[in-house]
Each structure stands twice: as structure tokens, then as C-alpha cells.
Amino acid sequence: MTQRRALALLALALVLAMSTWFSATAVVPQLRAEWSLSDNGAAWLTIAVQLGFVAGALLSSLLSIADVLPARLVILGGALGAAAANALVAAADGPRAAIPLRAATGFFLAGVYPPALKLMATWFRNGRGLALGTLVGALTVGSAAPHFVNGVGGLDWTLVVLATSALTAVGGIVAAAFVPEGPYPFTRASFDPRQVGRVLRNRAVRLASLGYFGHMWELYAMWAWFLVFFRDGHGAGGTDAAYAAFAVIGIGGLGCVAAGALADRVGRAETAAGAMVVSGACAVAIGLLVEAPTWVVLALSLLWGFAVVADSALFSTLVTEHADQAYVGTALALQLAIGFTLTVATIWLVPVLEDGVGWRWTFAFLAPGPALGALAMLRLARTP
């Protein structure tokens, strides 16, 4: 199998497998009508996924699951578990039943994303930034997919949930059946819980993780609430808002590929810092356009969507290069676990801020994250 074929197949698997992440978020307008869902309840449908992912990633990190077990089998198990948990949401009669199932969905997705990054890294030494950027781009498109399905219009929300569950299961099967480990395998590991502490003491890994944490402060809050912002702030109809959300989130896939290619040429830390400067500026500017024409808002939103996730794969790439090579999966899982924990705060905070200061200033509160992340990346760039 060639590198390109392995990359294409694993990217396809991630597009499919990660479609359950925002499956409930995409149908919030319908759930508000059917369940009398409040803003707080809507937030928890996404927060639950984040918390479940954190729990799964922490367990994976502590047990070194992604380093001890074959990555393709971990991906398969995670995808099938996420598909089953998400499918049960279609039978829920309210948020009280749905939220634990969304948490379970996130828990199992922690068995998909980190192992997929490690598996792809075994195929590339040169060009690893572009390869992992392509994977995160695939994850981005997969996360946007429920908005596209919902934008078709006329579909019952349960069909959206069930369709994304089926896609996730197929994604896991594709990864397990068609993407073996590459020609540059990492050193085999044994279970060693002390590796968590060693990861945190590695300066380069620590700086890469600090940059990632600033990035995550912004990313998922923007993804989770853009649909509501565009609909409420600019009067977009249900279908128009759904397609806009799909475009704004999905264009981040191109951002990931572009940043990965650029990072292989000019440096990963420098590219990540530049992307965070752009996305942070967009977070401040977007609210100032609440009275601007819709096309202007959408144009800036597309730039924001392109930049906000463009740097995501670069932090993971840096970890694969600087961490103990026997415990790359452990380091990735720990980085992701802490980063996703931060997203809980901002996803919860956005509707609270919107109620207090309106959409004009709400997203501006996300800007400190990428600002601090850019500083960490510039420090890493100066490190020998």
C-alpha cells in the first residue's frame, strides 16, 4: 500500500467516524421545539460529548491503550461503540436521557481520533505535517457533516442521528480493514502509568500542549454555537443557517491541509502561531458585524472557519516528533484530554455571555485563548 492510499483511506474513515460528534448539536432547532430544550440543555448536549471524550482519552492515556494495542483495532472498537451510543439518542424522549448517551458517544470517539493520528504518523517521516493536517481536515469535514444532512430539509431529527451513527460504524470498519500500520512504526510499549508524568516534564511537548490548549479554548465553542449565532444574529432561515454552518466548519478541512503543507516548509510552530493570530482576530471582529449584510458576515465567518482549526494537527505533529517514541499515543491522548476539558468551559460560557452582552461581544471572549497559544508557539519556535 502506498502512503497516499493509506492517507486517503484513513481520512475517509475519519470523515465518516467523526460525524456523530455534532449530530445532536446540528438538530438543536428541532429539539428546542420537540423537547422544549433550553439554551443550557442545548449546551449540555455538546458538553457531554466533550466530557465523555476527556474521560476516554484520560483512560487511554493512563493505560497506554493506544501504545499497547493495535491502533486499527482501537479505532474499530471506538467507532462501533460511538455509533451504538449515538443511535440510542434517537429513542430518547428528552435531554435527561440523551445527555448520558452523548457522553458515551464522546467516550468511544476517544478511541478513534488519537489512535488515528498515531497510525497515520507510522506512514510518514517527511511530510508528516501535511499528512496529519489532512486527517484533522477530514475530522473537521466529518464534524460539519450533520449540518449538511440537516440542511437537506424535511428530515426528522432522528434520521439525522441514525444516519450519522451508520456513517461512524462504516468509518471504523474502513480503518480496521484497509489501513495497516505503516513502514515507520513506533517502538512497542508496555503498560507504564509513570509515562503521564514524563510527558508533562518534556518541555517541547509541554509548549506544544499549551499552544493546543489555547487553540481549544476557541475552537469548539465556535463550532458548537455558530449555527445559533448565524440564525439568531442574522435572521437566517433553518436550511440557510444549516448550510452556512456546514460551509464555515467544513472549510476548516482546507485550512488544515494548507497549514500542514506550509508547516512542512516554514516550521510547525510558526505556522500554528500565524493561524491563531488570524482566528483570534476573527473572533473579535465577527461580533462587530452584527448589523452588517449577511454576505459580509458569512465571508468573515469562512475566514474564521478556515483559520480556527488550521493549526490543530500541528500540535499533534509536534508531539509525535518530540515525545518518547514508545509512548506517542499516551502523549497524544493526554494532550487531547486536557484540551477537550477546556472546551467544556467555553461551550457553557457562550450562551451565558450572549444573554449578558449579546452577540456583539460574546465571541471576543474566546480571543485570549489563541493569543496565549500563539505566544507558546513562538517560544517553542525559539527553542533549539
Protein backbone atom coordinates (compact mmCIF):
# COMPACT_ATOMS: atom_id res chain seq x y z
CA MET A 1 0.00 0.00 0.00
CA THR A 2 1.27 3.49 -0.84
CA GLN A 3 1.39 6.45 1.54
CA ARG A 4 -1.24 8.31 -0.47
CA ARG A 5 -3.64 5.38 -0.46
CA ALA A 6 -3.27 4.90 3.30
CA LEU A 7 -3.82 8.62 3.88
CA ALA A 8 -6.88 8.71 1.63
CA LEU A 9 -8.47 5.68 3.29
CA LEU A 10 -7.81 6.84 6.86
CA ALA A 11 -9.04 10.34 6.01
CA LEU A 12 -12.23 8.83 4.62
CA ALA A 13 -12.59 6.73 7.76
CA LEU A 14 -12.32 9.86 9.94
CA VAL A 15 -14.81 11.83 7.85
CA LEU A 16 -17.31 9.04 8.45
CA ALA A 17 -16.40 8.17 12.04
CA MET A 18 -16.45 11.70 13.46
CA SER A 19 -19.88 12.57 12.04
CA THR A 20 -21.53 11.65 15.35
CA TRP A 21 -19.68 14.41 17.24
CA PHE A 22 -22.13 17.21 16.39
CA SER A 23 -25.10 15.07 15.42
CA ALA A 24 -27.19 16.41 18.32
CA THR A 25 -25.88 19.96 18.01
CA ALA A 26 -26.98 20.08 14.37
CA VAL A 27 -30.60 19.31 15.28
CA VAL A 28 -30.87 21.69 18.25
CA PRO A 29 -33.53 23.82 16.46
CA GLN A 30 -35.78 20.76 16.09
CA LEU A 31 -35.08 19.60 19.65
CA ARG A 32 -35.98 23.00 21.03
CA ALA A 33 -39.43 22.55 19.53
CA GLU A 34 -39.91 18.88 20.39
CA TRP A 35 -38.27 18.77 23.83
CA SER A 36 -38.75 22.42 24.84
CA LEU A 37 -34.96 22.44 25.01
CA SER A 38 -33.37 25.39 26.83
CA ASP A 39 -30.03 27.04 25.96
CA ASN A 40 -28.50 25.25 28.93
CA GLY A 41 -29.83 21.90 27.74
CA ALA A 42 -28.55 22.56 24.23
CA ALA A 43 -25.10 23.38 25.61
CA TRP A 44 -25.01 20.15 27.60
CA LEU A 45 -25.75 18.06 24.53
CA THR A 46 -22.33 19.17 23.25
CA ILE A 47 -20.57 19.46 26.62
CA ALA A 48 -21.47 15.84 27.36
CA VAL A 49 -19.56 14.70 24.27
CA GLN A 50 -16.54 16.72 25.34
CA LEU A 51 -16.58 15.28 28.87
CA GLY A 52 -17.02 11.76 27.55
CA PHE A 53 -14.09 12.26 25.21
CA VAL A 54 -11.97 13.57 28.08
CA ALA A 55 -12.80 10.52 30.19
CA GLY A 56 -11.98 8.17 27.33
CA ALA A 57 -8.74 9.97 26.46
CA LEU A 58 -7.60 10.02 30.09
CA LEU A 59 -8.31 6.31 30.45
CA SER A 60 -6.44 5.64 27.21
CA SER A 61 -3.51 7.75 28.41
CA LEU A 62 -3.30 6.16 31.87
CA LEU A 63 -3.49 2.64 30.45
CA SER A 64 -1.36 3.42 27.36
CA ILE A 65 -4.09 1.78 25.28
CA ALA A 66 -3.05 3.45 22.01
CA ASP A 67 0.54 2.27 22.53
CA VAL A 68 -0.12 -1.28 23.74
CA LEU A 69 -2.97 -2.36 21.43
CA PRO A 70 -3.01 -2.20 17.59
CA ALA A 71 -4.32 1.22 16.60
CA ARG A 72 -6.68 -0.09 13.90
CA LEU A 73 -8.47 -2.33 16.41
CA VAL A 74 -8.80 0.51 18.92
CA ILE A 75 -10.31 2.67 16.15
CA LEU A 76 -12.80 -0.07 15.22
CA GLY A 77 -13.92 -0.58 18.81
CA GLY A 78 -14.25 3.14 19.40
CA ALA A 79 -16.25 3.73 16.22
CA LEU A 80 -18.69 0.88 16.86
CA GLY A 81 -19.21 1.99 20.46
CA ALA A 82 -19.81 5.61 19.42
CA ALA A 83 -22.24 4.53 16.70
CA ALA A 84 -24.27 2.43 19.13
CA ALA A 85 -24.42 5.11 21.84
CA ASN A 86 -25.38 7.82 19.37
CA ALA A 87 -28.07 5.69 17.74
CA LEU A 88 -29.79 5.28 21.11
CA VAL A 89 -30.23 9.08 21.25
CA ALA A 90 -32.91 8.65 18.56
CA ALA A 91 -35.03 6.79 21.12
CA ALA A 92 -34.56 9.43 23.86
CA ASP A 93 -37.57 11.48 24.92
CA GLY A 94 -35.65 14.43 26.36
CA PRO A 95 -32.25 15.76 27.39
CA ARG A 96 -32.18 13.75 30.62
CA ALA A 97 -31.95 10.54 28.61
CA ALA A 98 -29.91 11.96 25.72
CA ILE A 99 -27.09 13.64 27.64
CA PRO A 100 -25.60 10.43 29.15
CA LEU A 101 -25.74 8.82 25.70
CA ARG A 102 -23.92 11.79 24.20
CA ALA A 103 -21.26 11.40 26.90
CA ALA A 104 -20.87 7.75 25.94
CA THR A 105 -20.52 8.79 22.30
CA GLY A 106 -17.62 11.09 23.22
CA PHE A 107 -16.03 8.38 25.39
CA PHE A 108 -15.85 5.96 22.48
CA LEU A 109 -14.71 8.62 19.99
CA ALA A 110 -11.58 8.96 22.16
CA GLY A 111 -10.71 5.54 20.74
CA VAL A 112 -10.89 6.90 17.19
CA TYR A 113 -9.10 10.25 16.98
CA PRO A 114 -5.79 9.83 18.92
CA PRO A 115 -5.04 6.31 17.57
CA ALA A 116 -5.78 7.51 14.02
CA LEU A 117 -3.17 10.27 14.36
CA LYS A 118 -0.60 7.79 15.63
CA LEU A 119 -1.44 5.26 12.91
CA MET A 120 -1.02 7.86 10.17
CA ALA A 121 2.31 9.01 11.63
CA THR A 122 3.68 5.48 11.02
CA TRP A 123 3.30 6.12 7.29
CA PHE A 124 5.18 9.43 7.14
CA ARG A 125 8.50 10.82 8.29
CA ASN A 126 8.80 13.51 5.66
CA GLY A 127 5.56 15.38 5.04
CA ARG A 128 4.04 14.38 8.36
CA GLY A 129 2.59 17.86 8.88
CA LEU A 130 0.60 17.65 5.65
CA ALA A 131 -0.48 14.07 6.38
CA LEU A 132 -1.81 14.81 9.88
CA GLY A 133 -3.27 18.08 8.60
CA THR A 134 -5.24 16.08 6.06
CA LEU A 135 -6.51 13.79 8.81
CA VAL A 136 -7.66 16.67 11.01
CA GLY A 137 -9.20 18.22 7.92
CA ALA A 138 -11.15 15.00 7.49
CA LEU A 139 -12.23 15.17 11.12
CA THR A 140 -13.39 18.74 10.50
CA VAL A 141 -15.49 17.78 7.49
CA GLY A 142 -16.92 14.86 9.46
CA SER A 143 -17.85 17.21 12.30
CA ALA A 144 -19.61 19.50 9.80
CA ALA A 145 -21.48 16.65 8.08
CA PRO A 146 -24.53 16.62 10.40
CA HIS A 147 -25.25 20.25 9.47
CA PHE A 148 -25.29 19.26 5.80
CA VAL A 149 -27.58 16.30 6.46
CA ASN A 150 -29.89 18.53 8.48
CA GLY A 151 -29.78 21.22 5.79
CA VAL A 152 -31.39 18.86 3.29
CA GLY A 153 -34.62 19.86 4.99
CA GLY A 154 -37.74 17.91 5.81
CA LEU A 155 -35.83 15.19 7.65
CA ASP A 156 -36.90 14.06 11.07
CA TRP A 157 -34.13 14.72 13.59
CA THR A 158 -33.96 11.01 14.44
CA LEU A 159 -32.97 10.25 10.84
CA VAL A 160 -30.06 12.69 11.13
CA VAL A 161 -28.90 10.93 14.30
CA LEU A 162 -29.27 7.44 12.84
CA ALA A 163 -27.57 8.40 9.57
CA THR A 164 -24.51 9.75 11.37
CA SER A 165 -24.37 6.61 13.55
CA ALA A 166 -24.27 4.42 10.44
CA LEU A 167 -21.52 6.58 8.94
CA THR A 168 -19.44 6.25 12.12
CA ALA A 169 -19.69 2.46 12.11
CA VAL A 170 -18.63 2.32 8.45
CA GLY A 171 -15.68 4.61 9.21
CA GLY A 172 -14.38 2.26 11.89
CA ILE A 173 -14.68 -0.72 9.56
CA VAL A 174 -12.79 1.09 6.77
CA ALA A 175 -9.90 1.95 9.12
CA ALA A 176 -9.65 -1.56 10.54
CA ALA A 177 -9.98 -3.41 7.25
CA PHE A 178 -7.88 -1.29 4.92
CA VAL A 179 -5.26 0.76 6.83
CA PRO A 180 -2.43 -1.33 8.33
CA GLU A 181 0.49 0.08 10.27
CA GLY A 182 2.98 1.91 8.05
CA PRO A 183 6.69 1.34 7.38
CA TYR A 184 7.82 3.63 10.24
CA PRO A 185 6.27 2.05 13.34
CA PHE A 186 6.82 3.50 16.78
CA THR A 187 8.63 1.47 19.42
CA ARG A 188 6.30 -1.03 21.08
CA ALA A 189 5.34 -0.04 24.61
CA SER A 190 4.37 -1.81 27.80
CA PHE A 191 1.93 -0.52 30.37
CA ASP A 192 3.65 2.20 32.43
CA PRO A 193 1.46 4.79 34.24
CA ARG A 194 4.58 6.89 35.01
CA GLN A 195 4.64 7.97 31.37
CA VAL A 196 1.93 10.56 32.06
CA GLY A 197 4.29 12.49 34.36
CA ARG A 198 7.17 12.16 31.90
CA VAL A 199 5.04 13.61 29.13
CA LEU A 200 4.36 16.72 31.22
CA ARG A 201 8.08 17.16 32.02
CA ASN A 202 9.09 17.23 28.36
CA ARG A 203 9.50 20.97 27.58
CA ALA A 204 8.79 20.78 23.85
CA VAL A 205 5.73 18.60 24.39
CA ARG A 206 4.58 20.94 27.18
CA LEU A 207 4.84 24.04 24.95
CA ALA A 208 3.08 22.26 22.09
CA SER A 209 0.33 21.30 24.50
CA LEU A 210 -0.01 24.85 25.85
CA GLY A 211 -0.47 26.06 22.28
CA TYR A 212 -3.11 23.37 21.79
CA PHE A 213 -4.94 24.39 24.95
CA GLY A 214 -5.22 28.00 23.70
CA HIS A 215 -6.46 26.71 20.37
CA MET A 216 -9.11 24.54 22.03
CA TRP A 217 -10.37 27.42 24.18
CA GLU A 218 -11.71 28.90 20.96
CA LEU A 219 -12.39 26.06 18.55
CA TYR A 220 -15.27 24.01 19.89
CA ALA A 221 -17.19 26.97 21.29
CA MET A 222 -17.14 28.49 17.81
CA TRP A 223 -18.15 25.21 16.18
CA ALA A 224 -20.89 24.50 18.71
CA TRP A 225 -22.57 27.93 18.61
CA PHE A 226 -22.00 29.28 15.11
CA LEU A 227 -25.32 27.85 13.86
CA VAL A 228 -27.24 29.63 16.61
CA PHE A 229 -25.24 32.86 16.13
CA PHE A 230 -25.86 32.96 12.39
CA ARG A 231 -29.55 32.16 12.74
CA ASP A 232 -30.31 34.48 15.65
CA GLY A 233 -27.91 37.30 14.85
CA HIS A 234 -28.65 37.48 11.13
CA GLY A 235 -32.11 36.07 10.74
CA ALA A 236 -31.05 33.16 8.54
CA GLY A 237 -33.70 30.52 7.96
CA GLY A 238 -33.25 26.97 9.17
CA THR A 239 -31.92 25.48 5.92
CA ASP A 240 -29.76 28.52 5.07
CA ALA A 241 -28.25 28.55 8.55
CA ALA A 242 -27.54 24.81 8.41
CA TYR A 243 -25.73 25.09 5.08
CA ALA A 244 -23.80 28.14 6.33
CA ALA A 245 -22.69 26.19 9.42
CA PHE A 246 -21.62 23.27 7.22
CA ALA A 247 -19.59 25.60 5.00
CA VAL A 248 -17.97 27.53 7.86
CA ILE A 249 -16.97 24.40 9.78
CA GLY A 250 -16.19 22.32 6.71
CA ILE A 251 -13.84 24.89 5.14
CA GLY A 252 -11.57 24.23 8.09
CA GLY A 253 -10.66 20.99 6.34
CA LEU A 254 -8.94 23.03 3.63
CA GLY A 255 -7.30 25.13 6.35
CA CYS A 256 -5.81 22.01 7.96
CA VAL A 257 -4.36 20.75 4.67
CA ALA A 258 -2.96 24.18 3.75
CA ALA A 259 -1.40 24.70 7.19
CA GLY A 260 0.08 21.21 7.17
CA ALA A 261 1.75 21.82 3.80
CA LEU A 262 3.03 25.24 4.89
CA ALA A 263 4.31 23.88 8.21
CA ASP A 264 6.46 21.28 6.43
CA ARG A 265 8.17 24.18 4.62
CA VAL A 266 8.43 27.05 7.12
CA GLY A 267 8.01 25.39 10.53
CA ARG A 268 5.16 23.93 12.54
CA ALA A 269 5.29 26.32 15.49
CA GLU A 270 5.49 29.41 13.27
CA THR A 271 2.54 28.28 11.14
CA ALA A 272 0.43 27.49 14.20
CA ALA A 273 1.16 30.92 15.70
CA GLY A 274 0.08 32.64 12.48
CA ALA A 275 -3.17 30.69 12.28
CA MET A 276 -4.04 31.59 15.89
CA VAL A 277 -3.41 35.29 15.28
CA VAL A 278 -5.87 35.22 12.36
CA SER A 279 -8.54 33.20 14.18
CA GLY A 280 -8.29 35.32 17.34
CA ALA A 281 -8.74 38.49 15.27
CA CYS A 282 -11.81 36.98 13.60
CA ALA A 283 -13.29 36.10 17.00
CA VAL A 284 -13.13 39.77 17.99
CA ALA A 285 -14.29 41.14 14.62
CA ILE A 286 -17.26 38.83 13.96
CA GLY A 287 -19.43 40.33 16.68
CA LEU A 288 -18.83 43.86 15.43
CA LEU A 289 -20.61 42.91 12.21
CA VAL A 290 -23.97 42.07 13.76
CA GLU A 291 -25.59 44.82 11.67
CA ALA A 292 -23.57 44.16 8.51
CA PRO A 293 -25.05 42.47 5.42
CA THR A 294 -25.27 38.71 5.74
CA TRP A 295 -22.80 38.09 2.91
CA VAL A 296 -20.15 40.15 4.73
CA VAL A 297 -20.68 38.17 7.92
CA LEU A 298 -20.52 34.90 6.02
CA ALA A 299 -17.29 35.92 4.26
CA LEU A 300 -15.56 36.70 7.57
CA SER A 301 -17.02 33.53 9.08
CA LEU A 302 -15.49 31.45 6.28
CA LEU A 303 -12.09 33.00 7.01
CA TRP A 304 -12.59 32.26 10.70
CA GLY A 305 -13.61 28.68 9.97
CA PHE A 306 -10.54 28.25 7.75
CA ALA A 307 -8.12 29.56 10.38
CA VAL A 308 -9.68 28.36 13.62
CA VAL A 309 -8.81 24.70 13.05
CA ALA A 310 -5.93 25.07 10.58
CA ASP A 311 -3.32 24.68 13.33
CA SER A 312 -4.95 21.73 15.08
CA ALA A 313 -2.86 18.98 13.50
CA LEU A 314 0.38 20.86 14.04
CA PHE A 315 0.23 20.43 17.82
CA SER A 316 -0.25 16.69 17.39
CA THR A 317 2.56 16.54 14.83
CA LEU A 318 4.92 18.26 17.26
CA VAL A 319 4.02 15.70 19.93
CA THR A 320 4.73 12.77 17.59
CA GLU A 321 8.17 14.26 16.95
CA HIS A 322 9.18 15.31 20.47
CA ALA A 323 7.58 12.72 22.78
CA ASP A 324 9.13 9.43 23.85
CA GLN A 325 8.62 7.39 20.69
CA ALA A 326 7.32 4.37 22.60
CA TYR A 327 4.55 6.44 24.19
CA VAL A 328 3.39 8.78 21.44
CA GLY A 329 -0.19 7.53 21.80
CA THR A 330 -0.11 8.25 25.54
CA ALA A 331 1.20 11.79 24.96
CA LEU A 332 -1.41 12.49 22.28
CA ALA A 333 -4.25 11.19 24.43
CA LEU A 334 -3.15 13.30 27.41
CA GLN A 335 -2.83 16.45 25.29
CA LEU A 336 -6.29 15.89 23.82
CA ALA A 337 -7.86 15.10 27.20
CA ILE A 338 -6.73 18.36 28.80
CA GLY A 339 -7.58 20.37 25.69
CA PHE A 340 -11.10 18.99 25.48
CA THR A 341 -11.62 19.68 29.18
CA LEU A 342 -11.11 23.38 28.44
CA THR A 343 -13.77 23.29 25.75
CA VAL A 344 -16.41 22.48 28.35
CA ALA A 345 -15.95 25.90 29.96
CA THR A 346 -16.25 27.89 26.74
CA ILE A 347 -19.17 25.89 25.30
CA TRP A 348 -21.06 26.57 28.54
CA LEU A 349 -19.90 30.20 28.66
CA VAL A 350 -21.06 31.31 25.19
CA PRO A 351 -24.85 31.29 25.85
CA VAL A 352 -24.28 32.90 29.25
CA LEU A 353 -22.29 35.71 27.66
CA GLU A 354 -24.77 36.09 24.82
CA ASP A 355 -27.54 36.59 27.36
CA GLY A 356 -25.45 39.21 29.16
CA VAL A 357 -23.68 41.18 26.42
CA GLY A 358 -25.26 39.96 23.18
CA TRP A 359 -23.57 38.51 20.12
CA ARG A 360 -21.57 41.72 19.58
CA TRP A 361 -19.02 40.79 22.27
CA THR A 362 -19.63 37.13 23.06
CA PHE A 363 -17.11 35.56 20.68
CA ALA A 364 -14.48 38.17 21.63
CA PHE A 365 -14.11 36.33 24.95
CA LEU A 366 -12.62 33.41 23.02
CA ALA A 367 -9.71 35.50 21.66
CA PRO A 368 -7.40 35.23 24.72
CA GLY A 369 -7.03 31.50 24.06
CA PRO A 370 -5.39 31.76 20.64
CA ALA A 371 -3.39 34.80 21.80
CA LEU A 372 -1.77 32.83 24.62
CA GLY A 373 -1.40 29.79 22.35
CA ALA A 374 0.47 31.87 19.78
CA LEU A 375 2.90 33.03 22.46
CA ALA A 376 3.60 29.42 23.45
CA MET A 377 4.26 28.53 19.81
CA LEU A 378 6.67 31.44 19.36
CA ARG A 379 8.58 30.26 22.45
CA LEU A 380 8.72 26.75 21.00
CA ALA A 381 9.97 28.14 17.68
CA ARG A 382 12.93 29.74 19.50
CA THR A 383 13.77 26.50 21.31
CA PRO A 384 16.81 24.71 19.81
